């Protein structure tokens, strides 16, 4: 019985080591690859130009607010209560518009960055997938972040793990 158990164990270890050798792993520093991608310089110029346009518009709005405030400060002593209240409301509204514009500008800038960089990132991912398949890699990891960039098709064991944990 011990001999049979040892034989099964040896065969199991042999089968496991054979299967483990069949798995070919690779890695790449995706950030370094991205930094040298063709077209990145154009993306950076377009992004910078867009950011400058937004910054210029915010600056214009901020200057308008500062001018209104300076005028208010210079003339507040001579203003009737209704004019004073109207001027304060104008400045308050302009300040709110500046804040709203700034928030929207940040969102637009993030969307612009995504719009400009997505084609380059997809081109790099496609090349990684092609190289992995051509050279028989099972998995490719991003060595800088430890993320999985490529994996051969395999079984999704999420349902099995959920069942094991009693999660429905």
Protein backbone atom coordinates (compact mmCIF):
# COMPACT_ATOMS: atom_id res chain seq x y z
CA UNK A 1 0.00 0.00 0.00
CA UNK A 2 2.87 2.39 0.86
CA UNK A 3 4.52 1.66 -2.49
CA UNK A 4 1.32 2.47 -4.37
CA UNK A 5 0.91 5.71 -2.40
CA UNK A 6 4.50 6.71 -3.12
CA UNK A 7 4.06 5.89 -6.81
CA UNK A 8 0.88 8.00 -7.00
CA UNK A 9 2.63 10.83 -5.18
CA UNK A 10 5.64 10.68 -7.53
CA UNK A 11 3.39 10.57 -10.60
CA UNK A 12 1.38 13.48 -9.23
CA UNK A 13 4.50 15.56 -8.61
CA UNK A 14 5.81 14.69 -12.06
CA UNK A 15 2.53 15.70 -13.66
CA UNK A 16 2.47 18.94 -11.65
CA UNK A 17 6.06 19.82 -12.55
CA UNK A 18 5.38 19.05 -16.22
CA UNK A 19 2.28 21.28 -16.13
CA UNK A 20 4.20 24.03 -14.30
CA UNK A 21 6.91 23.95 -16.96
CA UNK A 22 4.26 24.40 -19.65
CA UNK A 23 3.30 27.74 -18.10
CA UNK A 24 5.56 30.42 -19.53
CA UNK A 25 5.59 33.69 -17.60
CA UNK A 26 6.86 37.07 -18.75
CA UNK A 27 6.96 40.63 -17.55
CA UNK A 28 7.29 44.14 -18.94
CA UNK A 29 7.57 47.58 -17.38
CA UNK A 30 4.53 49.08 -19.07
CA UNK A 31 5.36 52.62 -17.93
CA UNK A 32 8.77 52.48 -19.61
CA UNK A 33 7.19 51.07 -22.77
CA UNK A 34 4.49 53.75 -22.75
CA UNK A 35 7.11 56.49 -22.33
CA UNK A 36 8.76 55.53 -25.63
CA UNK A 37 5.61 54.87 -27.66
CA UNK A 38 5.44 56.63 -31.03
CA UNK A 39 2.97 59.50 -31.02
CA UNK A 40 3.28 60.22 -27.31
CA UNK A 41 4.98 63.55 -27.97
CA UNK A 42 2.00 64.65 -30.08
CA UNK A 43 -0.39 63.57 -27.33
CA UNK A 44 1.55 65.57 -24.76
CA UNK A 45 1.48 68.69 -26.95
CA UNK A 46 -2.27 68.39 -27.58
CA UNK A 47 -2.93 67.80 -23.87
CA UNK A 48 -0.78 70.76 -22.84
CA UNK A 49 -2.50 73.04 -25.40
CA UNK A 50 -5.94 72.00 -24.15
CA UNK A 51 -4.91 72.53 -20.53
CA UNK A 52 -3.55 75.99 -21.40
CA UNK A 53 -6.85 76.95 -23.05
CA UNK A 54 -8.74 76.00 -19.93
CA UNK A 55 -6.23 77.75 -17.68
CA UNK A 56 -6.50 80.91 -19.80
CA UNK A 57 -10.30 80.91 -19.52
CA UNK A 58 -10.14 80.47 -15.74
CA UNK A 59 -7.60 83.29 -15.59
CA UNK A 60 -9.90 85.57 -17.57
CA UNK A 61 -12.78 84.81 -15.25
CA UNK A 62 -10.58 85.31 -12.18
CA UNK A 63 -9.39 88.69 -13.50
CA UNK A 64 -12.99 89.75 -14.07
CA UNK A 65 -13.82 88.83 -10.46
CA UNK A 66 -10.79 90.71 -9.13
CA UNK A 67 -11.75 93.80 -11.15
CA UNK A 68 -15.31 93.67 -9.86
CA UNK A 69 -14.05 93.29 -6.30
CA UNK A 70 -11.59 96.20 -6.67
CA UNK A 71 -14.38 98.39 -8.08
CA UNK A 72 -16.65 97.31 -5.23
CA UNK A 73 -14.01 98.11 -2.61
CA UNK A 74 -13.30 101.50 -4.15
CA UNK A 75 -16.96 102.54 -4.31
CA UNK A 76 -18.66 100.66 -1.46
CA UNK A 77 -18.88 103.78 0.75
CA UNK A 78 -20.91 105.64 -1.90
CA UNK A 79 -23.26 102.75 -2.84
CA UNK A 80 -26.87 102.56 -1.89
CA UNK A 81 -27.89 99.32 -0.14
CA UNK A 82 -29.59 97.93 -3.28
CA UNK A 83 -26.55 98.60 -5.50
CA UNK A 84 -24.24 97.18 -2.84
CA UNK A 85 -26.40 94.04 -2.63
CA UNK A 86 -26.51 93.75 -6.44
CA UNK A 87 -22.70 94.07 -6.73
CA UNK A 88 -22.18 91.48 -3.99
CA UNK A 89 -24.57 89.11 -5.76
CA UNK A 90 -22.71 89.61 -9.06
CA UNK A 91 -19.39 88.74 -7.41
CA UNK A 92 -20.89 85.76 -5.62
CA UNK A 93 -22.44 84.45 -8.85
CA UNK A 94 -19.20 84.95 -10.77
CA UNK A 95 -17.26 83.14 -8.05
CA UNK A 96 -19.71 80.21 -8.25
CA UNK A 97 -19.35 80.13 -12.05
CA UNK A 98 -15.55 80.08 -11.69
CA UNK A 99 -15.76 77.17 -9.26
CA UNK A 100 -18.18 75.28 -11.51
CA UNK A 101 -16.00 75.96 -14.54
CA UNK A 102 -12.92 74.79 -12.66
CA UNK A 103 -14.65 71.54 -11.66
CA UNK A 104 -15.87 70.95 -15.21
CA UNK A 105 -12.44 71.84 -16.61
CA UNK A 106 -10.80 69.18 -14.43
CA UNK A 107 -13.30 66.59 -15.66
CA UNK A 108 -12.81 67.70 -19.27
CA UNK A 109 -9.05 67.56 -18.88
CA UNK A 110 -9.23 64.00 -17.54
CA UNK A 111 -11.53 63.02 -20.43
CA UNK A 112 -9.17 64.66 -22.94
CA UNK A 113 -6.21 62.78 -21.47
CA UNK A 114 -8.11 59.51 -21.76
CA UNK A 115 -9.20 60.32 -25.32
CA UNK A 116 -5.62 61.09 -26.35
CA UNK A 117 -3.85 58.25 -24.53
CA UNK A 118 -6.29 55.39 -25.10
CA UNK A 119 -5.16 54.69 -28.70
CA UNK A 120 -1.51 54.53 -27.63
CA UNK A 121 -2.29 52.29 -24.65
CA UNK A 122 -4.42 49.99 -26.81
CA UNK A 123 -1.64 49.78 -29.42
CA UNK A 124 0.83 48.76 -26.69
CA UNK A 125 -1.59 46.20 -25.23
CA UNK A 126 -2.22 44.73 -28.67
CA UNK A 127 1.52 44.36 -29.22
CA UNK A 128 1.93 42.72 -25.80
CA UNK A 129 -0.87 40.26 -26.59
CA UNK A 130 0.62 39.44 -30.00
CA UNK A 131 4.12 38.90 -28.59
CA UNK A 132 2.73 36.75 -25.78
CA UNK A 133 0.83 34.55 -28.22
CA UNK A 134 3.69 34.36 -30.73
CA UNK A 135 6.17 33.28 -28.06
CA UNK A 136 3.88 31.00 -26.08
CA UNK A 137 3.56 33.00 -22.89
CA UNK A 138 0.70 32.07 -20.59
CA UNK A 139 0.89 35.24 -18.50
CA UNK A 140 2.52 38.66 -18.87
CA UNK A 141 2.81 40.87 -15.79
CA UNK A 142 3.49 44.58 -15.50
CA UNK A 143 6.69 44.40 -13.48
CA UNK A 144 6.34 47.98 -12.21
CA UNK A 145 2.90 47.47 -10.70
CA UNK A 146 2.43 43.71 -10.46
CA UNK A 147 -0.64 43.80 -12.70
CA UNK A 148 -1.59 41.05 -15.11
CA UNK A 149 -1.46 42.40 -18.67
CA UNK A 150 -2.07 39.17 -20.60
CA UNK A 151 -3.47 35.77 -19.76
CA UNK A 152 -4.40 32.82 -21.89
CA UNK A 153 -8.07 32.03 -21.87
CA UNK A 154 -8.85 29.98 -18.80
CA UNK A 155 -11.70 28.98 -16.56
CA UNK A 156 -13.20 31.69 -14.38
CA UNK A 157 -13.37 30.13 -10.94
CA UNK A 158 -15.28 32.99 -9.30
CA UNK A 159 -18.43 30.91 -8.88
CA UNK A 160 -16.46 28.04 -7.34
CA UNK A 161 -14.71 30.36 -4.87
CA UNK A 162 -18.01 32.02 -3.96
CA UNK A 163 -19.51 28.60 -3.33
CA UNK A 164 -16.55 27.63 -1.17
CA UNK A 165 -17.00 30.82 0.85
CA UNK A 166 -20.77 30.40 1.05
CA UNK A 167 -21.44 33.54 -1.01
CA UNK A 168 -24.46 33.53 -3.25
